[in-house]
């Protein structure tokens, strides 16, 4: 064992469901052994850390905007009148959230394009 190139051992425990997923992915990767699959995954896979804060902020904005629309709908239903300020406010809120979503889309697209350039 001292002369082996790969002499470090890793031991993992999996649930039955995790093992089934592991074996399914191993077959998809066309690896015949777990050792080969693990080495392939470790050496060829990239790790991505995703900051979910922008999504949380958009979710909060959507919640606030939905509440605002509900308040406007209640007022319109009770008075049968909609104010131009309410329409402008809804339009600005939609524009704001659209810009945020577009920024995230652009960021993700740039990450994808940059990843493709590395290959």
Protein backbone atom coordinates (compact mmCIF):
# COMPACT_ATOMS: atom_id res chain seq x y z
CA UNK A 1 0.00 0.00 0.00
CA UNK A 2 2.95 2.35 0.59
CA UNK A 3 3.91 2.20 -3.10
CA UNK A 4 0.46 3.15 -4.33
CA UNK A 5 0.02 6.47 -6.06
CA UNK A 6 -3.41 6.98 -4.51
CA UNK A 7 -2.97 6.04 -0.89
CA UNK A 8 -5.48 8.38 0.78
CA UNK A 9 -8.86 6.88 1.68
CA UNK A 10 -12.22 8.61 2.06
CA UNK A 11 -15.17 6.90 3.67
CA UNK A 12 -18.77 8.14 3.27
CA UNK A 13 -22.11 6.93 4.51
CA UNK A 14 -25.26 7.38 2.44
CA UNK A 15 -28.92 6.70 2.88
CA UNK A 16 -30.52 4.23 0.50
CA UNK A 17 -32.01 7.10 -1.53
CA UNK A 18 -28.69 8.96 -1.69
CA UNK A 19 -26.93 5.79 -2.83
CA UNK A 20 -29.50 5.30 -5.61
CA UNK A 21 -28.94 8.89 -6.81
CA UNK A 22 -25.17 8.37 -6.58
CA UNK A 23 -25.32 5.19 -8.65
CA UNK A 24 -27.66 6.78 -11.20
CA UNK A 25 -25.29 9.72 -11.69
CA UNK A 26 -22.33 7.35 -11.83
CA UNK A 27 -24.00 5.49 -14.71
CA UNK A 28 -24.86 8.76 -16.45
CA UNK A 29 -21.18 9.74 -16.25
CA UNK A 30 -20.27 6.32 -17.72
CA UNK A 31 -17.99 5.51 -14.80
CA UNK A 32 -17.55 1.86 -13.92
CA UNK A 33 -16.26 2.34 -10.38
CA UNK A 34 -17.09 4.68 -7.54
CA UNK A 35 -13.42 5.65 -7.34
CA UNK A 36 -13.38 6.72 -10.98
CA UNK A 37 -16.65 8.62 -10.59
CA UNK A 38 -15.49 10.50 -7.49
CA UNK A 39 -12.15 11.42 -9.06
CA UNK A 40 -13.98 12.60 -12.19
CA UNK A 41 -16.44 14.71 -10.20
CA UNK A 42 -13.72 16.25 -8.04
CA UNK A 43 -11.34 17.01 -10.87
CA UNK A 44 -13.78 18.08 -13.60
CA UNK A 45 -16.61 19.77 -11.74
CA UNK A 46 -16.73 23.42 -10.78
CA UNK A 47 -18.16 24.61 -7.50
CA UNK A 48 -20.56 27.54 -7.72
CA UNK A 49 -21.49 29.69 -4.76
CA UNK A 50 -24.73 31.49 -5.41
CA UNK A 51 -25.63 34.59 -3.43
CA UNK A 52 -29.39 34.37 -2.99
CA UNK A 53 -29.72 37.85 -1.45
CA UNK A 54 -30.82 39.51 -4.73
CA UNK A 55 -33.59 36.91 -5.06
CA UNK A 56 -34.69 37.56 -1.48
CA UNK A 57 -34.79 41.29 -2.21
CA UNK A 58 -36.89 40.71 -5.33
CA UNK A 59 -39.19 38.45 -3.34
CA UNK A 60 -39.63 41.20 -0.74
CA UNK A 61 -40.28 43.76 -3.48
CA UNK A 62 -42.87 41.51 -5.11
CA UNK A 63 -44.60 41.08 -1.75
CA UNK A 64 -44.72 44.85 -1.19
CA UNK A 65 -45.91 45.50 -4.76
CA UNK A 66 -48.63 42.85 -4.47
CA UNK A 67 -49.85 44.45 -1.24
CA UNK A 68 -49.89 47.82 -2.98
CA UNK A 69 -51.93 46.43 -5.88
CA UNK A 70 -54.35 44.81 -3.41
CA UNK A 71 -54.85 48.14 -1.64
CA UNK A 72 -55.51 49.87 -4.96
CA UNK A 73 -57.94 47.11 -5.98
CA UNK A 74 -59.85 47.48 -2.69
CA UNK A 75 -60.11 51.23 -3.17
CA UNK A 76 -61.23 50.84 -6.81
CA UNK A 77 -63.82 48.24 -5.83
CA UNK A 78 -65.26 50.47 -3.12
CA UNK A 79 -65.18 53.80 -5.01
CA UNK A 80 -65.18 52.69 -8.68
CA UNK A 81 -62.42 55.26 -9.24
CA UNK A 82 -58.76 54.65 -10.08
CA UNK A 83 -56.29 57.46 -9.74
CA UNK A 84 -53.56 58.23 -12.28
CA UNK A 85 -51.04 58.35 -9.40
CA UNK A 86 -51.91 54.74 -8.57
CA UNK A 87 -51.32 53.69 -12.17
CA UNK A 88 -48.01 55.58 -12.28
CA UNK A 89 -46.98 54.00 -8.99
CA UNK A 90 -47.73 50.49 -10.30
CA UNK A 91 -45.84 51.23 -13.50
CA UNK A 92 -42.78 52.43 -11.59
CA UNK A 93 -42.89 49.38 -9.32
CA UNK A 94 -43.09 47.05 -12.33
CA UNK A 95 -40.22 48.92 -14.00
CA UNK A 96 -38.11 48.67 -10.84
CA UNK A 97 -38.60 44.92 -10.43
CA UNK A 98 -38.03 44.38 -14.16
CA UNK A 99 -34.67 46.15 -13.90
CA UNK A 100 -33.67 44.02 -10.92
CA UNK A 101 -34.60 40.81 -12.72
CA UNK A 102 -32.75 41.97 -15.86
CA UNK A 103 -29.61 42.68 -13.80
CA UNK A 104 -29.69 39.18 -12.31
CA UNK A 105 -30.35 37.71 -15.77
CA UNK A 106 -27.37 39.59 -17.21
CA UNK A 107 -25.14 38.51 -14.35
CA UNK A 108 -26.09 34.85 -14.79
CA UNK A 109 -25.69 35.09 -18.56
CA UNK A 110 -22.21 36.58 -18.16
CA UNK A 111 -21.24 33.77 -15.77
CA UNK A 112 -22.44 31.21 -18.33
CA UNK A 113 -20.62 32.87 -21.21
CA UNK A 114 -17.41 33.21 -19.14
CA UNK A 115 -17.64 29.53 -18.17
CA UNK A 116 -18.05 28.57 -21.82
CA UNK A 117 -14.93 30.53 -22.74
CA UNK A 118 -12.83 28.54 -20.28
CA UNK A 119 -13.49 25.25 -22.04
